[in-house]
């Protein structure tokens, strides 16, 4: 949020252009989705962009791309560009969330139960 109380989407596209250096998040979205977990691997340096510094500070424990976007009050397209920068510099680690377990077929489970009952 800006000093005058406006949020990023209140007609200030120039700010997003400066933050992302004119890049869009289209290519980076293939690497990151909303539930990709991000963890810092390095400390911020004084010469870093403020948004990069903020990401490194808040990602001491895993946060999703959606959470980072909410904390920074930036659209996910801009956040994915920033995350791609940090990933290329090996300052963050991106982890896909734990996949849901694949449940075996019901018939197989019933066959196992019946086999165990016969023992």
N, C-alpha and C. Protein backbone atom coordinates (compact mmCIF):
# COMPACT_ATOMS: atom_id res chain seq x y z
N UNK A 1 0.85 -1.17 0.00
CA UNK A 1 0.00 0.00 0.00
C UNK A 1 0.90 1.23 0.00
N UNK A 2 0.52 2.20 -0.75
CA UNK A 2 1.32 3.42 -0.84
C UNK A 2 1.07 4.32 0.37
N UNK A 3 1.86 5.39 0.47
CA UNK A 3 1.77 6.30 1.60
C UNK A 3 0.40 6.99 1.67
N UNK A 4 -0.23 7.17 0.52
CA UNK A 4 -1.53 7.84 0.52
C UNK A 4 -2.69 6.86 0.70
N UNK A 5 -2.38 5.58 1.03
CA UNK A 5 -3.43 4.62 1.34
C UNK A 5 -3.95 3.83 0.15
N UNK A 6 -3.40 4.09 -1.05
CA UNK A 6 -3.86 3.36 -2.23
C UNK A 6 -3.13 2.03 -2.34
N UNK A 7 -3.81 1.04 -2.88
CA UNK A 7 -3.21 -0.27 -3.09
C UNK A 7 -2.65 -0.34 -4.50
N UNK A 8 -1.93 -1.41 -4.84
CA UNK A 8 -1.27 -1.54 -6.14
C UNK A 8 -2.23 -1.47 -7.31
N UNK A 9 -3.46 -1.89 -7.12
CA UNK A 9 -4.39 -1.94 -8.24
C UNK A 9 -5.19 -0.66 -8.41
N UNK A 10 -4.82 0.40 -7.73
CA UNK A 10 -5.56 1.65 -7.82
C UNK A 10 -5.01 2.58 -8.90
N UNK A 11 -4.69 2.02 -10.07
CA UNK A 11 -4.28 2.86 -11.18
C UNK A 11 -2.83 3.25 -11.18
N UNK A 12 -1.93 2.42 -10.64
CA UNK A 12 -0.52 2.73 -10.63
C UNK A 12 0.28 1.63 -11.34
N UNK A 13 0.05 1.43 -12.65
CA UNK A 13 0.77 0.37 -13.37
C UNK A 13 2.26 0.67 -13.49
N UNK A 14 2.66 1.94 -13.38
CA UNK A 14 4.07 2.28 -13.49
C UNK A 14 4.87 1.64 -12.37
N UNK A 15 4.32 1.54 -11.19
CA UNK A 15 5.01 0.93 -10.06
C UNK A 15 5.31 -0.54 -10.35
N UNK A 16 4.32 -1.26 -10.87
CA UNK A 16 4.54 -2.67 -11.20
C UNK A 16 5.56 -2.81 -12.32
N UNK A 17 5.54 -1.90 -13.27
CA UNK A 17 6.50 -1.93 -14.37
C UNK A 17 7.91 -1.76 -13.83
N UNK A 18 8.09 -0.86 -12.89
CA UNK A 18 9.41 -0.62 -12.30
C UNK A 18 9.85 -1.83 -11.47
N UNK A 19 8.95 -2.37 -10.66
CA UNK A 19 9.28 -3.50 -9.80
C UNK A 19 9.74 -4.70 -10.63
N UNK A 20 9.06 -4.97 -11.72
CA UNK A 20 9.37 -6.15 -12.55
C UNK A 20 10.35 -5.83 -13.68
N UNK A 21 10.79 -4.59 -13.78
CA UNK A 21 11.67 -4.13 -14.85
C UNK A 21 11.06 -4.39 -16.23
N UNK A 22 9.76 -4.23 -16.30
CA UNK A 22 9.04 -4.35 -17.56
C UNK A 22 8.74 -5.76 -18.00
N UNK A 23 9.08 -6.74 -17.18
CA UNK A 23 8.83 -8.13 -17.56
C UNK A 23 7.46 -8.57 -17.07
N UNK A 24 6.88 -9.52 -17.79
CA UNK A 24 5.60 -10.07 -17.34
C UNK A 24 5.87 -11.42 -16.69
N UNK A 25 4.90 -11.92 -15.97
CA UNK A 25 5.06 -13.18 -15.27
C UNK A 25 4.64 -14.39 -16.07
N UNK A 26 4.42 -14.24 -17.39
CA UNK A 26 3.89 -15.34 -18.18
C UNK A 26 4.85 -16.53 -18.23
N UNK A 27 6.13 -16.32 -18.48
CA UNK A 27 7.08 -17.43 -18.55
C UNK A 27 7.33 -18.02 -17.17
N UNK A 28 7.33 -17.19 -16.14
CA UNK A 28 7.61 -17.64 -14.80
C UNK A 28 6.46 -18.46 -14.21
N UNK A 29 5.24 -18.25 -14.71
CA UNK A 29 4.09 -18.98 -14.16
C UNK A 29 4.19 -20.47 -14.43
N UNK A 30 5.01 -20.87 -15.42
CA UNK A 30 5.21 -22.29 -15.67
C UNK A 30 6.00 -22.91 -14.52
N UNK A 31 6.87 -22.13 -13.88
CA UNK A 31 7.69 -22.62 -12.77
C UNK A 31 6.93 -22.55 -11.45
N UNK A 32 6.18 -21.48 -11.25
CA UNK A 32 5.47 -21.24 -9.99
C UNK A 32 3.97 -21.31 -10.21
N UNK A 33 3.27 -21.99 -9.31
CA UNK A 33 1.83 -21.86 -9.28
C UNK A 33 1.46 -21.31 -7.90
N UNK A 34 0.22 -21.11 -7.64
CA UNK A 34 -0.20 -20.44 -6.41
C UNK A 34 0.18 -21.19 -5.14
N UNK A 35 0.32 -22.51 -5.24
CA UNK A 35 0.61 -23.31 -4.04
C UNK A 35 2.06 -23.76 -3.95
N UNK A 36 2.91 -23.31 -4.88
CA UNK A 36 4.33 -23.62 -4.79
C UNK A 36 4.87 -22.99 -3.51
N UNK A 37 5.62 -23.77 -2.74
CA UNK A 37 6.17 -23.28 -1.48
C UNK A 37 7.55 -22.69 -1.72
N UNK A 38 7.80 -21.54 -1.13
CA UNK A 38 9.05 -20.81 -1.29
C UNK A 38 9.74 -20.71 0.07
N UNK A 39 11.06 -21.01 0.08
CA UNK A 39 11.85 -20.93 1.30
C UNK A 39 13.13 -20.16 0.98
N UNK A 40 13.52 -19.23 1.85
CA UNK A 40 14.75 -18.47 1.68
C UNK A 40 15.96 -19.37 1.86
N UNK A 41 16.98 -19.15 1.04
CA UNK A 41 18.25 -19.86 1.17
C UNK A 41 19.39 -18.89 1.46
N UNK A 42 19.09 -17.59 1.50
CA UNK A 42 20.13 -16.58 1.69
C UNK A 42 19.54 -15.39 2.44
N UNK A 43 20.42 -14.60 2.99
CA UNK A 43 20.02 -13.36 3.65
C UNK A 43 19.99 -12.24 2.62
N UNK A 44 19.12 -11.25 2.81
CA UNK A 44 19.11 -10.11 1.88
C UNK A 44 20.39 -9.29 2.01
N UNK A 45 20.76 -8.64 0.91
CA UNK A 45 21.92 -7.75 0.91
C UNK A 45 21.42 -6.31 0.78
N UNK A 46 22.21 -5.35 1.22
CA UNK A 46 21.77 -3.95 1.16
C UNK A 46 21.45 -3.44 -0.25
N UNK A 47 22.09 -4.00 -1.27
CA UNK A 47 21.89 -3.51 -2.63
C UNK A 47 20.67 -4.11 -3.32
N UNK A 48 19.97 -4.98 -2.66
CA UNK A 48 18.82 -5.66 -3.27
C UNK A 48 17.61 -4.75 -3.39
N UNK A 49 16.78 -5.08 -4.36
CA UNK A 49 15.49 -4.41 -4.54
C UNK A 49 14.65 -4.65 -3.27
N UNK A 50 13.89 -3.66 -2.79
CA UNK A 50 13.13 -3.82 -1.55
C UNK A 50 12.17 -5.01 -1.57
N UNK A 51 11.56 -5.28 -2.71
CA UNK A 51 10.63 -6.41 -2.79
C UNK A 51 11.36 -7.74 -2.67
N UNK A 52 12.55 -7.85 -3.25
CA UNK A 52 13.37 -9.06 -3.09
C UNK A 52 13.74 -9.25 -1.62
N UNK A 53 14.13 -8.17 -0.98
CA UNK A 53 14.48 -8.22 0.44
C UNK A 53 13.28 -8.69 1.27
N UNK A 54 12.12 -8.16 0.98
CA UNK A 54 10.91 -8.54 1.72
C UNK A 54 10.61 -10.03 1.54
N UNK A 55 10.76 -10.53 0.33
CA UNK A 55 10.50 -11.96 0.08
C UNK A 55 11.46 -12.82 0.90
N UNK A 56 12.74 -12.48 0.88
CA UNK A 56 13.72 -13.28 1.63
C UNK A 56 13.44 -13.24 3.13
N UNK A 57 12.99 -12.10 3.62
CA UNK A 57 12.72 -11.99 5.06
C UNK A 57 11.48 -12.78 5.48
N UNK A 58 10.42 -12.76 4.69
CA UNK A 58 9.19 -13.44 5.11
C UNK A 58 9.21 -14.93 4.82
N UNK A 59 10.15 -15.38 4.01
CA UNK A 59 10.18 -16.80 3.63
C UNK A 59 11.20 -17.61 4.44
N UNK A 60 11.41 -17.23 5.69
CA UNK A 60 12.25 -18.03 6.57
C UNK A 60 11.65 -19.41 6.78
N UNK A 61 10.36 -19.48 6.82
CA UNK A 61 9.64 -20.75 6.82
C UNK A 61 8.82 -20.78 5.53
N UNK A 62 8.48 -21.96 5.03
CA UNK A 62 7.82 -22.04 3.72
C UNK A 62 6.52 -21.25 3.65
N UNK A 63 6.40 -20.48 2.57
CA UNK A 63 5.17 -19.75 2.26
C UNK A 63 4.81 -20.04 0.81
N UNK A 64 3.52 -20.07 0.52
CA UNK A 64 3.08 -20.28 -0.86
C UNK A 64 3.19 -18.97 -1.63
N UNK A 65 3.19 -19.09 -2.94
CA UNK A 65 3.24 -17.91 -3.81
C UNK A 65 2.04 -17.02 -3.52
N UNK A 66 0.88 -17.61 -3.29
CA UNK A 66 -0.32 -16.82 -2.98
C UNK A 66 -0.15 -16.03 -1.68
N UNK A 67 0.46 -16.65 -0.67
CA UNK A 67 0.68 -15.95 0.60
C UNK A 67 1.66 -14.80 0.43
N UNK A 68 2.72 -15.04 -0.32
CA UNK A 68 3.71 -13.98 -0.56
C UNK A 68 3.04 -12.81 -1.28
N UNK A 69 2.23 -13.12 -2.27
CA UNK A 69 1.50 -12.09 -3.01
C UNK A 69 0.63 -11.27 -2.07
N UNK A 70 -0.05 -11.95 -1.15
CA UNK A 70 -0.93 -11.24 -0.20
C UNK A 70 -0.12 -10.38 0.76
N UNK A 71 0.98 -10.91 1.29
CA UNK A 71 1.80 -10.14 2.22
C UNK A 71 2.40 -8.89 1.57
N UNK A 72 2.84 -9.04 0.32
CA UNK A 72 3.45 -7.90 -0.37
C UNK A 72 2.44 -6.96 -1.01
N UNK A 73 1.18 -7.42 -1.06
CA UNK A 73 0.12 -6.66 -1.71
C UNK A 73 0.47 -6.36 -3.17
N UNK A 74 0.95 -7.41 -3.84
CA UNK A 74 1.29 -7.33 -5.26
C UNK A 74 0.56 -8.45 -5.99
N UNK A 75 0.26 -8.26 -7.27
CA UNK A 75 -0.38 -9.34 -8.02
C UNK A 75 0.59 -10.51 -8.18
N UNK A 76 0.04 -11.70 -8.29
CA UNK A 76 0.90 -12.88 -8.41
C UNK A 76 1.78 -12.84 -9.65
N UNK A 77 1.34 -12.20 -10.70
CA UNK A 77 2.18 -12.10 -11.90
C UNK A 77 3.48 -11.34 -11.59
N UNK A 78 3.40 -10.29 -10.81
CA UNK A 78 4.60 -9.54 -10.43
C UNK A 78 5.45 -10.34 -9.45
N UNK A 79 4.80 -11.03 -8.52
CA UNK A 79 5.53 -11.83 -7.54
C UNK A 79 6.29 -12.96 -8.23
N UNK A 80 5.70 -13.60 -9.24
CA UNK A 80 6.40 -14.69 -9.92
C UNK A 80 7.64 -14.18 -10.65
N UNK A 81 7.61 -12.95 -11.16
CA UNK A 81 8.80 -12.37 -11.79
C UNK A 81 9.89 -12.18 -10.74
N UNK A 82 9.52 -11.65 -9.58
CA UNK A 82 10.49 -11.44 -8.50
C UNK A 82 11.05 -12.77 -8.01
N UNK A 83 10.19 -13.77 -7.88
CA UNK A 83 10.64 -15.09 -7.42
C UNK A 83 11.57 -15.74 -8.44
N UNK A 84 11.30 -15.54 -9.72
CA UNK A 84 12.17 -16.09 -10.76
C UNK A 84 13.57 -15.48 -10.66
N UNK A 85 13.65 -14.18 -10.36
CA UNK A 85 14.95 -13.53 -10.16
C UNK A 85 15.70 -14.19 -9.01
N UNK A 86 15.02 -14.36 -7.89
CA UNK A 86 15.65 -14.94 -6.70
C UNK A 86 16.02 -16.41 -6.92
N UNK A 87 15.21 -17.13 -7.65
CA UNK A 87 15.51 -18.54 -7.94
C UNK A 87 16.74 -18.64 -8.84
N UNK A 88 16.85 -17.77 -9.83
CA UNK A 88 18.01 -17.77 -10.73
C UNK A 88 19.30 -17.47 -9.97
N UNK A 89 19.20 -16.65 -8.93
CA UNK A 89 20.36 -16.30 -8.10
C UNK A 89 20.58 -17.31 -6.98
N UNK A 90 19.74 -18.35 -6.92
CA UNK A 90 19.78 -19.40 -5.90
C UNK A 90 19.64 -18.84 -4.48
N UNK A 91 18.81 -17.80 -4.35
CA UNK A 91 18.54 -17.20 -3.04
C UNK A 91 17.29 -17.80 -2.39
N UNK A 92 16.48 -18.49 -3.19
CA UNK A 92 15.29 -19.17 -2.67
C UNK A 92 15.26 -20.59 -3.21
N UNK A 93 14.44 -21.39 -2.56
CA UNK A 93 14.17 -22.74 -3.03
C UNK A 93 12.67 -22.84 -3.25
N UNK A 94 12.28 -23.39 -4.38
CA UNK A 94 10.86 -23.57 -4.70
C UNK A 94 10.54 -25.05 -4.57
N UNK A 95 9.52 -25.35 -3.80
CA UNK A 95 9.10 -26.73 -3.58
C UNK A 95 7.65 -26.87 -3.99
N UNK A 96 7.37 -27.92 -4.72
CA UNK A 96 5.96 -28.18 -5.01
C UNK A 96 5.32 -28.75 -3.75
N UNK A 97 4.06 -28.47 -3.54
CA UNK A 97 3.41 -28.98 -2.33
C UNK A 97 3.37 -30.50 -2.34
N UNK A 98 3.18 -31.07 -1.18
CA UNK A 98 3.11 -32.51 -1.05
C UNK A 98 1.91 -33.01 -1.84
N UNK A 99 2.12 -33.94 -2.79
CA UNK A 99 0.98 -34.41 -3.57
C UNK A 99 0.04 -35.26 -2.72
N UNK A 100 -1.20 -35.24 -3.11
CA UNK A 100 -2.18 -36.05 -2.39
C UNK A 100 -1.88 -37.52 -2.64
N UNK A 101 -2.09 -38.31 -1.61
CA UNK A 101 -1.85 -39.75 -1.75
C UNK A 101 -2.85 -40.35 -2.72
N UNK A 102 -2.36 -41.27 -3.50
CA UNK A 102 -3.24 -41.97 -4.43
C UNK A 102 -3.89 -43.12 -3.67
N UNK A 103 -5.20 -43.10 -3.60
CA UNK A 103 -5.94 -44.12 -2.86
C UNK A 103 -6.11 -45.34 -3.76
N UNK A 104 -5.74 -46.51 -3.24
CA UNK A 104 -5.90 -47.72 -4.06
C UNK A 104 -7.37 -48.00 -4.35
N UNK A 105 -7.57 -48.81 -5.35
CA UNK A 105 -8.90 -49.21 -5.77
C UNK A 105 -9.64 -49.89 -4.61
N UNK A 106 -10.91 -49.61 -4.48
CA UNK A 106 -11.72 -50.18 -3.39
C UNK A 106 -11.72 -51.70 -3.44
N UNK A 107 -11.80 -52.28 -4.63
CA UNK A 107 -11.81 -53.74 -4.77
C UNK A 107 -10.52 -54.35 -4.23
N UNK A 108 -9.40 -53.68 -4.48
CA UNK A 108 -8.12 -54.17 -3.97
C UNK A 108 -8.10 -54.14 -2.45
N UNK A 109 -8.59 -53.05 -1.86
CA UNK A 109 -8.63 -52.96 -0.39
C UNK A 109 -9.53 -54.05 0.21
N UNK A 110 -10.68 -54.29 -0.41
CA UNK A 110 -11.57 -55.34 0.09
C UNK A 110 -10.93 -56.72 -0.02
N UNK A 111 -10.19 -56.96 -1.10
CA UNK A 111 -9.52 -58.24 -1.27
C UNK A 111 -8.44 -58.42 -0.21
N UNK A 112 -7.72 -57.38 0.12
CA UNK A 112 -6.69 -57.45 1.17
C UNK A 112 -7.35 -57.72 2.53
N UNK A 113 -8.44 -57.03 2.82
CA UNK A 113 -9.14 -57.23 4.09
C UNK A 113 -9.64 -58.67 4.19
N UNK A 114 -10.26 -59.19 3.13
CA UNK A 114 -10.76 -60.57 3.15
C UNK A 114 -9.61 -61.57 3.33
N UNK A 115 -8.48 -61.28 2.67
CA UNK A 115 -7.33 -62.17 2.81
C UNK A 115 -6.80 -62.17 4.22
N UNK A 116 -6.77 -61.01 4.86
CA UNK A 116 -6.31 -60.93 6.25
C UNK A 116 -7.28 -61.61 7.20
N UNK A 117 -8.56 -61.49 6.93
CA UNK A 117 -9.56 -62.15 7.78
C UNK A 117 -9.46 -63.66 7.71
N UNK A 118 -9.03 -64.22 6.59
CA UNK A 118 -8.90 -65.66 6.45
C UNK A 118 -7.70 -66.20 7.19
N UNK A 119 -6.77 -65.34 7.55
CA UNK A 119 -5.58 -65.82 8.27
C UNK A 119 -5.87 -66.21 9.67
